[in-house]
Amino acid sequence: MHKWEYLTTPLMIHNTAAILNNWGAEGWELVQVVTGPEGGLVAYLKREQRED
């Protein structure tokens, strides 16, 4: 069975691609982008949990 870990991060509109590419390079997959409670964008990402 897969186990997942999750991450949320704010997205700055002028730097969105760079932010997502950096997380993607670390194995994070974008799940969803939503408007945060204060109006900015928030990205939800996941990756398979690494076994130690």
PDB file of N, CA and C in Angstrom:
ATOM      1  N   MET A   1       0.848  -1.171   0.000  1.00  0.00           N
ATOM      2  CA  MET A   1       0.000   0.000   0.000  1.00  0.00           C
ATOM      3  C   MET A   1       0.899   1.242   0.000  1.00  0.00           C
ATOM      4  N   HIS A   2       0.528   2.225  -0.795  1.00  0.00           N
ATOM      5  CA  HIS A   2       1.270   3.479  -0.843  1.00  0.00           C
ATOM      6  C   HIS A   2       0.917   4.343   0.358  1.00  0.00           C
ATOM      7  N   LYS A   3       1.930   4.999   0.894  1.00  0.00           N
ATOM      8  CA  LYS A   3       1.717   5.996   1.938  1.00  0.00           C
ATOM      9  C   LYS A   3       2.187   7.321   1.375  1.00  0.00           C
ATOM     10  N   TRP A   4       1.414   8.370   1.621  1.00  0.00           N
ATOM     11  CA  TRP A   4       1.701   9.676   1.040  1.00  0.00           C
ATOM     12  C   TRP A   4       2.014  10.693   2.120  1.00  0.00           C
ATOM     13  N   GLU A   5       2.832  11.664   1.749  1.00  0.00           N
ATOM     14  CA  GLU A   5       3.008  12.840   2.580  1.00  0.00           C
ATOM     15  C   GLU A   5       2.555  14.032   1.757  1.00  0.00           C
ATOM     16  N   TYR A   6       2.087  15.060   2.434  1.00  0.00           N
ATOM     17  CA  TYR A   6       1.480  16.211   1.773  1.00  0.00           C
ATOM     18  C   TYR A   6       2.171  17.501   2.182  1.00  0.00           C
ATOM     19  N   LEU A   7       2.080  18.481   1.289  1.00  0.00           N
ATOM     20  CA  LEU A   7       2.707  19.772   1.519  1.00  0.00           C
ATOM     21  C   LEU A   7       1.793  20.854   0.972  1.00  0.00           C
ATOM     22  N   THR A   8       1.678  21.945   1.678  1.00  0.00           N
ATOM     23  CA  THR A   8       0.997  23.119   1.132  1.00  0.00           C
ATOM     24  C   THR A   8       2.002  24.254   1.081  1.00  0.00           C
ATOM     25  N   THR A   9       1.925  25.054   0.039  1.00  0.00           N
ATOM     26  CA  THR A   9       2.845  26.173  -0.105  1.00  0.00           C
ATOM     27  C   THR A   9       2.152  27.320  -0.826  1.00  0.00           C
ATOM     28  N   PRO A  10       2.403  28.550  -0.395  1.00  0.00           N
ATOM     29  CA  PRO A  10       1.837  29.689  -1.123  1.00  0.00           C
ATOM     30  C   PRO A  10       2.537  29.851  -2.462  1.00  0.00           C
ATOM     31  N   LEU A  11       1.810  30.339  -3.446  1.00  0.00           N
ATOM     32  CA  LEU A  11       2.375  30.594  -4.777  1.00  0.00           C
ATOM     33  C   LEU A  11       2.377  32.085  -5.044  1.00  0.00           C
ATOM     34  N   MET A  12       3.538  32.599  -5.381  1.00  0.00           N
ATOM     35  CA  MET A  12       3.625  33.994  -5.800  1.00  0.00           C
ATOM     36  C   MET A  12       3.357  34.032  -7.296  1.00  0.00           C
ATOM     37  N   ILE A  13       2.402  34.806  -7.706  1.00  0.00           N
ATOM     38  CA  ILE A  13       1.909  34.788  -9.079  1.00  0.00           C
ATOM     39  C   ILE A  13       3.006  35.059 -10.109  1.00  0.00           C
ATOM     40  N   HIS A  14       4.018  35.849  -9.764  1.00  0.00           N
ATOM     41  CA  HIS A  14       5.081  36.162 -10.718  1.00  0.00           C
ATOM     42  C   HIS A  14       6.156  35.088 -10.771  1.00  0.00           C
ATOM     43  N   ASN A  15       6.085  34.074  -9.891  1.00  0.00           N
ATOM     44  CA  ASN A  15       7.135  33.064  -9.802  1.00  0.00           C
ATOM     45  C   ASN A  15       6.577  31.647  -9.691  1.00  0.00           C
ATOM     46  N   THR A  16       5.363  31.453 -10.144  1.00  0.00           N
ATOM     47  CA  THR A  16       4.668  30.173  -9.961  1.00  0.00           C
ATOM     48  C   THR A  16       5.423  28.992 -10.551  1.00  0.00           C
ATOM     49  N   ALA A  17       5.849  29.104 -11.797  1.00  0.00           N
ATOM     50  CA  ALA A  17       6.521  27.976 -12.453  1.00  0.00           C
ATOM     51  C   ALA A  17       7.803  27.587 -11.723  1.00  0.00           C
ATOM     52  N   ALA A  18       8.592  28.559 -11.318  1.00  0.00           N
ATOM     53  CA  ALA A  18       9.841  28.256 -10.621  1.00  0.00           C
ATOM     54  C   ALA A  18       9.575  27.548  -9.298  1.00  0.00           C
ATOM     55  N   ILE A  19       8.571  28.005  -8.568  1.00  0.00           N
ATOM     56  CA  ILE A  19       8.227  27.374  -7.287  1.00  0.00           C
ATOM     57  C   ILE A  19       7.807  25.926  -7.512  1.00  0.00           C
ATOM     58  N   LEU A  20       6.904  25.701  -8.464  1.00  0.00           N
ATOM     59  CA  LEU A  20       6.423  24.344  -8.718  1.00  0.00           C
ATOM     60  C   LEU A  20       7.528  23.449  -9.278  1.00  0.00           C
ATOM     61  N   ASN A  21       8.393  23.985 -10.127  1.00  0.00           N
ATOM     62  CA  ASN A  21       9.512  23.194 -10.656  1.00  0.00           C
ATOM     63  C   ASN A  21      10.481  22.787  -9.554  1.00  0.00           C
ATOM     64  N   ASN A  22      10.719  23.668  -8.589  1.00  0.00           N
ATOM     65  CA  ASN A  22      11.605  23.324  -7.478  1.00  0.00           C
ATOM     66  C   ASN A  22      11.031  22.182  -6.652  1.00  0.00           C
ATOM     67  N   TRP A  23       9.736  22.253  -6.331  1.00  0.00           N
ATOM     68  CA  TRP A  23       9.119  21.173  -5.572  1.00  0.00           C
ATOM     69  C   TRP A  23       9.071  19.888  -6.398  1.00  0.00           C
ATOM     70  N   GLY A  24       8.781  20.011  -7.694  1.00  0.00           N
ATOM     71  CA  GLY A  24       8.746  18.835  -8.563  1.00  0.00           C
ATOM     72  C   GLY A  24      10.091  18.129  -8.639  1.00  0.00           C
ATOM     73  N   ALA A  25      11.172  18.898  -8.620  1.00  0.00           N
ATOM     74  CA  ALA A  25      12.514  18.310  -8.651  1.00  0.00           C
ATOM     75  C   ALA A  25      12.800  17.500  -7.391  1.00  0.00           C
ATOM     76  N   GLU A  26      12.070  17.771  -6.317  1.00  0.00           N
ATOM     77  CA  GLU A  26      12.227  17.017  -5.070  1.00  0.00           C
ATOM     78  C   GLU A  26      11.218  15.886  -4.952  1.00  0.00           C
ATOM     79  N   GLY A  27      10.493  15.619  -6.037  1.00  0.00           N
ATOM     80  CA  GLY A  27       9.576  14.483  -6.057  1.00  0.00           C
ATOM     81  C   GLY A  27       8.140  14.803  -5.711  1.00  0.00           C
ATOM     82  N   TRP A  28       7.810  16.085  -5.517  1.00  0.00           N
ATOM     83  CA  TRP A  28       6.444  16.470  -5.165  1.00  0.00           C
ATOM     84  C   TRP A  28       5.600  16.617  -6.421  1.00  0.00           C
ATOM     85  N   GLU A  29       4.376  16.111  -6.364  1.00  0.00           N
ATOM     86  CA  GLU A  29       3.412  16.198  -7.468  1.00  0.00           C
ATOM     87  C   GLU A  29       2.301  17.172  -7.087  1.00  0.00           C
ATOM     88  N   LEU A  30       2.006  18.095  -7.988  1.00  0.00           N
ATOM     89  CA  LEU A  30       0.933  19.052  -7.753  1.00  0.00           C
ATOM     90  C   LEU A  30      -0.411  18.345  -7.800  1.00  0.00           C
ATOM     91  N   VAL A  31      -1.213  18.568  -6.765  1.00  0.00           N
ATOM     92  CA  VAL A  31      -2.549  17.974  -6.690  1.00  0.00           C
ATOM     93  C   VAL A  31      -3.599  19.016  -7.036  1.00  0.00           C
ATOM     94  N   GLN A  32      -3.454  20.221  -6.467  1.00  0.00           N
ATOM     95  CA  GLN A  32      -4.489  21.238  -6.640  1.00  0.00           C
ATOM     96  C   GLN A  32      -3.932  22.605  -6.270  1.00  0.00           C
ATOM     97  N   VAL A  33      -4.474  23.633  -6.914  1.00  0.00           N
ATOM     98  CA  VAL A  33      -4.196  25.018  -6.537  1.00  0.00           C
ATOM     99  C   VAL A  33      -5.533  25.661  -6.192  1.00  0.00           C
ATOM    100  N   VAL A  34      -5.593  26.295  -5.022  1.00  0.00           N
ATOM    101  CA  VAL A  34      -6.823  26.937  -4.573  1.00  0.00           C
ATOM    102  C   VAL A  34      -6.508  28.352  -4.103  1.00  0.00           C
ATOM    103  N   THR A  35      -7.550  29.151  -3.994  1.00  0.00           N
ATOM    104  CA  THR A  35      -7.405  30.480  -3.412  1.00  0.00           C
ATOM    105  C   THR A  35      -7.388  30.333  -1.898  1.00  0.00           C
ATOM    106  N   GLY A  36      -6.355  30.892  -1.273  1.00  0.00           N
ATOM    107  CA  GLY A  36      -6.209  30.793   0.171  1.00  0.00           C
ATOM    108  C   GLY A  36      -7.182  31.705   0.894  1.00  0.00           C
ATOM    109  N   PRO A  37      -7.228  31.594   2.199  1.00  0.00           N
ATOM    110  CA  PRO A  37      -8.173  32.376   3.001  1.00  0.00           C
ATOM    111  C   PRO A  37      -7.937  33.885   2.916  1.00  0.00           C
ATOM    112  N   GLU A  38      -6.721  34.275   2.580  1.00  0.00           N
ATOM    113  CA  GLU A  38      -6.421  35.702   2.472  1.00  0.00           C
ATOM    114  C   GLU A  38      -6.312  36.165   1.024  1.00  0.00           C
ATOM    115  N   GLY A  39      -6.741  35.325   0.086  1.00  0.00           N
ATOM    116  CA  GLY A  39      -6.823  35.724  -1.306  1.00  0.00           C
ATOM    117  C   GLY A  39      -5.698  35.271  -2.209  1.00  0.00           C
ATOM    118  N   GLY A  40      -4.557  34.840  -1.668  1.00  0.00           N
ATOM    119  CA  GLY A  40      -3.462  34.365  -2.510  1.00  0.00           C
ATOM    120  C   GLY A  40      -3.687  32.932  -2.943  1.00  0.00           C
ATOM    121  N   LEU A  41      -2.821  32.442  -3.816  1.00  0.00           N
ATOM    122  CA  LEU A  41      -2.916  31.063  -4.275  1.00  0.00           C
ATOM    123  C   LEU A  41      -2.122  30.144  -3.354  1.00  0.00           C
ATOM    124  N   VAL A  42      -2.668  28.951  -3.130  1.00  0.00           N
ATOM    125  CA  VAL A  42      -2.012  27.936  -2.317  1.00  0.00           C
ATOM    126  C   VAL A  42      -1.967  26.648  -3.128  1.00  0.00           C
ATOM    127  N   ALA A  43      -0.775  26.046  -3.193  1.00  0.00           N
ATOM    128  CA  ALA A  43      -0.611  24.777  -3.903  1.00  0.00           C
ATOM    129  C   ALA A  43      -0.611  23.630  -2.905  1.00  0.00           C
ATOM    130  N   TYR A  44      -1.298  22.562  -3.259  1.00  0.00           N
ATOM    131  CA  TYR A  44      -1.298  21.325  -2.487  1.00  0.00           C
ATOM    132  C   TYR A  44      -0.520  20.296  -3.290  1.00  0.00           C
ATOM    133  N   LEU A  45       0.497  19.712  -2.671  1.00  0.00           N
ATOM    134  CA  LEU A  45       1.351  18.744  -3.340  1.00  0.00           C
ATOM    135  C   LEU A  45       1.422  17.463  -2.527  1.00  0.00           C
ATOM    136  N   LYS A  46       1.797  16.364  -3.199  1.00  0.00           N
ATOM    137  CA  LYS A  46       1.969  15.089  -2.503  1.00  0.00           C
ATOM    138  C   LYS A  46       3.148  14.347  -3.111  1.00  0.00           C
ATOM    139  N   ARG A  47       3.698  13.445  -2.331  1.00  0.00           N
ATOM    140  CA  ARG A  47       4.706  12.515  -2.825  1.00  0.00           C
ATOM    141  C   ARG A  47       4.638  11.255  -1.989  1.00  0.00           C
ATOM    142  N   GLU A  48       5.087  10.168  -2.579  1.00  0.00           N
ATOM    143  CA  GLU A  48       5.080   8.918  -1.846  1.00  0.00           C
ATOM    144  C   GLU A  48       6.062   9.025  -0.689  1.00  0.00           C
ATOM    145  N   GLN A  49       5.628   8.563   0.455  1.00  0.00           N
ATOM    146  CA  GLN A  49       6.443   8.643   1.658  1.00  0.00           C
ATOM    147  C   GLN A  49       7.652   7.723   1.502  1.00  0.00           C
ATOM    148  N   ARG A  50       8.804   8.253   1.808  1.00  0.00           N
ATOM    149  CA  ARG A  50      10.040   7.465   1.698  1.00  0.00           C
ATOM    150  C   ARG A  50      10.182   6.563   2.906  1.00  0.00           C
ATOM    151  N   GLU A  51      10.648   5.366   2.651  1.00  0.00           N
ATOM    152  CA  GLU A  51      10.870   4.418   3.748  1.00  0.00           C
ATOM    153  C   GLU A  51      12.264   4.643   4.297  1.00  0.00           C
ATOM    154  N   ASP A  52      12.363   4.765   5.603  1.00  0.00           N
ATOM    155  CA  ASP A  52      13.678   4.980   6.232  1.00  0.00           C
ATOM    156  C   ASP A  52      14.337   3.692   6.597  1.00  0.00           C
TER     157      ASP A  52
END
